[in-house]
Amino acid sequence: METFYYIVESIESDYANLRRTDIESDDLKLVARALLPPEIREGTKLKYEMLQYTIIE
C-alpha cells in the first residue's frame, strides 16, 4: 500500500479540504470529517496509509 501526506487546508462543516504535500499539486481532496482524527484543525499534517488518516508532527 502507498503512503500519502496531506495538510488540512480548510474545514467546512462535516468536511475537510486536504492538499497533498508529498507531490506538487494545487488540487484539494474533500474528505468527510468522520474519516479523520477528531482533533484536526486547519494546518494539521496528516498521513494516509492502510485506509487510515493519522496526525503527524
Protein backbone atom coordinates (compact mmCIF):
# COMPACT_ATOMS: atom_id res chain seq x y z
CA MET A 1 0.00 0.00 0.00
CA GLU A 2 1.12 3.53 -0.72
CA THR A 3 1.50 6.33 1.79
CA PHE A 4 0.24 9.86 1.09
CA TYR A 5 0.82 13.07 3.04
CA TYR A 6 -1.70 15.89 3.36
CA ILE A 7 -2.29 19.18 5.14
CA VAL A 8 -5.74 20.36 6.20
CA GLU A 9 -6.39 23.50 4.13
CA SER A 10 -9.88 24.25 5.41
CA ILE A 11 -12.75 22.75 7.37
CA GLU A 12 -16.31 23.24 6.20
CA SER A 13 -18.99 21.76 8.45
CA ASP A 14 -18.70 17.96 8.13
CA TYR A 15 -15.92 18.01 5.52
CA ALA A 16 -12.26 18.98 5.31
CA ASN A 17 -10.28 20.05 2.26
CA LEU A 18 -6.90 18.30 2.14
CA ARG A 19 -3.93 19.20 -0.06
CA ARG A 20 -1.20 16.68 -0.91
CA THR A 21 2.22 17.69 0.36
CA ASP A 22 4.30 14.79 -0.95
CA ILE A 23 3.82 15.89 -4.58
CA GLU A 24 3.33 19.22 -6.36
CA SER A 25 -0.43 19.70 -6.56
CA ASP A 26 -2.93 22.52 -6.14
CA ASP A 27 -5.87 20.09 -6.14
CA LEU A 28 -7.87 19.69 -2.96
CA LYS A 29 -9.42 16.45 -1.76
CA LEU A 30 -12.76 16.72 0.02
CA VAL A 31 -12.91 14.21 2.90
CA ALA A 32 -15.68 13.59 5.42
CA ARG A 33 -14.54 14.59 8.91
CA ALA A 34 -15.86 11.26 10.21
CA LEU A 35 -12.91 9.61 8.42
CA LEU A 36 -10.35 11.95 10.02
CA PRO A 37 -8.99 12.17 13.57
CA PRO A 38 -11.40 14.30 15.65
CA GLU A 39 -8.71 16.73 16.82
CA ILE A 40 -7.78 18.06 13.35
CA ARG A 41 -7.56 21.82 12.76
CA GLU A 42 -6.59 23.91 9.75
CA GLY A 43 -2.88 23.34 9.17
CA THR A 44 -2.85 19.84 10.69
CA LYS A 45 -0.50 17.46 8.85
CA LEU A 46 -1.86 14.01 8.08
CA LYS A 47 -0.54 10.71 6.80
CA TYR A 48 -2.85 8.39 4.86
CA GLU A 49 -1.79 4.77 4.99
CA MET A 50 -3.66 1.46 5.09
CA LEU A 51 -7.01 3.27 4.56
CA GLN A 52 -6.48 5.39 7.70
CA TYR A 53 -5.59 9.02 8.37
CA THR A 54 -3.23 9.78 11.28
CA ILE A 55 -1.85 13.08 12.55
CA ILE A 56 1.90 13.62 12.13
CA GLU A 57 4.15 16.28 13.65
